[in-house]
């Protein structure tokens, strides 16, 4: 989780003191409506994506559990793919078009 308070002064001052009370009231209402566990999970996700407004947390809660969860890269995906016949690049060359829109090869 990123350090709190944010190191950037612009991020830290994004919410004024007057707005802070309203933002906290919204967060408390969201916690009452969705439950503490869901609110805390949404707050963790908001901090991970550097979203610090109550509206952002509300959007995260509205998205539900269907959102992608970033994970570290895993092992390489190795598949046995079918072998296709080799063709030269000339096979893909565009030729002149005849009178009936048929390509003449």
Protein backbone atom coordinates (compact mmCIF):
# COMPACT_ATOMS: atom_id res chain seq x y z
CA UNK A 1 0.00 0.00 0.00
CA UNK A 2 1.37 3.47 -0.85
CA UNK A 3 2.53 5.61 2.06
CA UNK A 4 -0.01 7.81 3.78
CA UNK A 5 -0.19 10.79 3.79
CA UNK A 6 0.56 11.13 0.07
CA UNK A 7 4.03 12.50 -0.63
CA UNK A 8 2.79 14.89 -3.31
CA UNK A 9 1.52 18.23 -1.95
CA UNK A 10 -1.00 18.51 -4.79
CA UNK A 11 -2.48 15.12 -3.93
CA UNK A 12 -2.60 15.92 -0.23
CA UNK A 13 -4.30 19.26 -0.86
CA UNK A 14 -6.75 17.92 -3.43
CA UNK A 15 -9.49 17.87 -0.79
CA UNK A 16 -10.00 21.13 1.09
CA UNK A 17 -10.84 21.18 4.78
CA UNK A 18 -14.48 22.02 4.05
CA UNK A 19 -14.79 19.16 1.59
CA UNK A 20 -13.14 16.73 3.98
CA UNK A 21 -16.13 16.67 6.35
CA UNK A 22 -18.52 15.97 3.46
CA UNK A 23 -16.20 13.28 2.06
CA UNK A 24 -15.99 11.57 5.46
CA UNK A 25 -19.78 11.66 5.85
CA UNK A 26 -20.16 9.98 2.46
CA UNK A 27 -17.59 7.33 3.40
CA UNK A 28 -19.40 6.63 6.67
CA UNK A 29 -22.70 6.28 4.79
CA UNK A 30 -21.05 3.92 2.30
CA UNK A 31 -19.72 1.85 5.19
CA UNK A 32 -23.21 1.64 6.69
CA UNK A 33 -24.74 0.66 3.35
CA UNK A 34 -22.12 -1.84 2.13
CA UNK A 35 -20.54 -3.07 5.34
CA UNK A 36 -17.17 -2.42 6.90
CA UNK A 37 -15.33 -5.22 5.07
CA UNK A 38 -16.49 -4.04 1.63
CA UNK A 39 -15.65 -0.43 2.48
CA UNK A 40 -12.15 -1.32 3.67
CA UNK A 41 -11.53 -3.40 0.53
CA UNK A 42 -12.74 -0.47 -1.60
CA UNK A 43 -10.49 1.94 0.31
CA UNK A 44 -7.48 -0.34 -0.28
CA UNK A 45 -8.30 -0.45 -3.99
CA UNK A 46 -8.78 3.33 -4.10
CA UNK A 47 -5.37 3.92 -2.51
CA UNK A 48 -3.73 1.39 -4.85
CA UNK A 49 -5.07 3.32 -7.85
CA UNK A 50 -4.44 6.74 -6.22
CA UNK A 51 -8.12 7.67 -6.08
CA UNK A 52 -8.78 9.72 -2.95
CA UNK A 53 -12.34 11.03 -3.31
CA UNK A 54 -15.49 9.52 -1.79
CA UNK A 55 -17.02 9.41 -5.27
CA UNK A 56 -14.15 7.16 -6.37
CA UNK A 57 -14.79 4.79 -3.46
CA UNK A 58 -18.50 4.82 -4.32
CA UNK A 59 -17.66 3.84 -7.91
CA UNK A 60 -15.44 1.01 -6.70
CA UNK A 61 -18.21 -0.30 -4.46
CA UNK A 62 -20.73 0.00 -7.32
CA UNK A 63 -18.44 -2.02 -9.61
CA UNK A 64 -18.55 -4.86 -7.12
CA UNK A 65 -16.30 -7.88 -7.25
CA UNK A 66 -16.20 -8.05 -11.03
CA UNK A 67 -13.24 -5.69 -11.26
CA UNK A 68 -9.80 -6.96 -12.24
CA UNK A 69 -7.45 -7.58 -9.34
CA UNK A 70 -3.84 -6.72 -10.26
CA UNK A 71 -1.44 -9.56 -9.54
CA UNK A 72 2.29 -10.00 -10.07
CA UNK A 73 3.35 -11.69 -13.28
CA UNK A 74 3.41 -15.47 -13.15
CA UNK A 75 5.11 -18.17 -15.18
CA UNK A 76 5.18 -18.06 -18.96
CA UNK A 77 2.13 -19.53 -20.66
CA UNK A 78 3.27 -22.43 -22.84
CA UNK A 79 0.75 -23.94 -25.25
CA UNK A 80 0.97 -26.64 -27.89
CA UNK A 81 -0.37 -24.75 -30.89
CA UNK A 82 -1.21 -26.39 -34.22
CA UNK A 83 1.38 -26.10 -36.97
CA UNK A 84 0.31 -24.08 -40.00
CA UNK A 85 1.79 -24.61 -43.46
CA UNK A 86 4.45 -22.09 -44.49
CA UNK A 87 3.58 -19.77 -47.38
CA UNK A 88 5.74 -17.21 -49.07
CA UNK A 89 4.87 -13.55 -48.77
CA UNK A 90 4.02 -13.53 -52.49
CA UNK A 91 0.88 -15.52 -51.63
CA UNK A 92 -0.44 -12.42 -49.87
CA UNK A 93 0.43 -9.96 -52.65
CA UNK A 94 -2.48 -7.89 -53.91
CA UNK A 95 -2.91 -8.14 -57.64
CA UNK A 96 -4.84 -6.06 -60.14
CA UNK A 97 -8.64 -6.14 -59.95
CA UNK A 98 -10.66 -7.27 -62.98
CA UNK A 99 -13.93 -5.84 -64.30
CA UNK A 100 -16.11 -7.93 -61.94
CA UNK A 101 -14.05 -6.98 -58.82
CA UNK A 102 -12.25 -10.33 -58.92
CA UNK A 103 -8.56 -10.29 -58.10
CA UNK A 104 -6.46 -11.45 -61.04
CA UNK A 105 -3.50 -13.55 -59.91
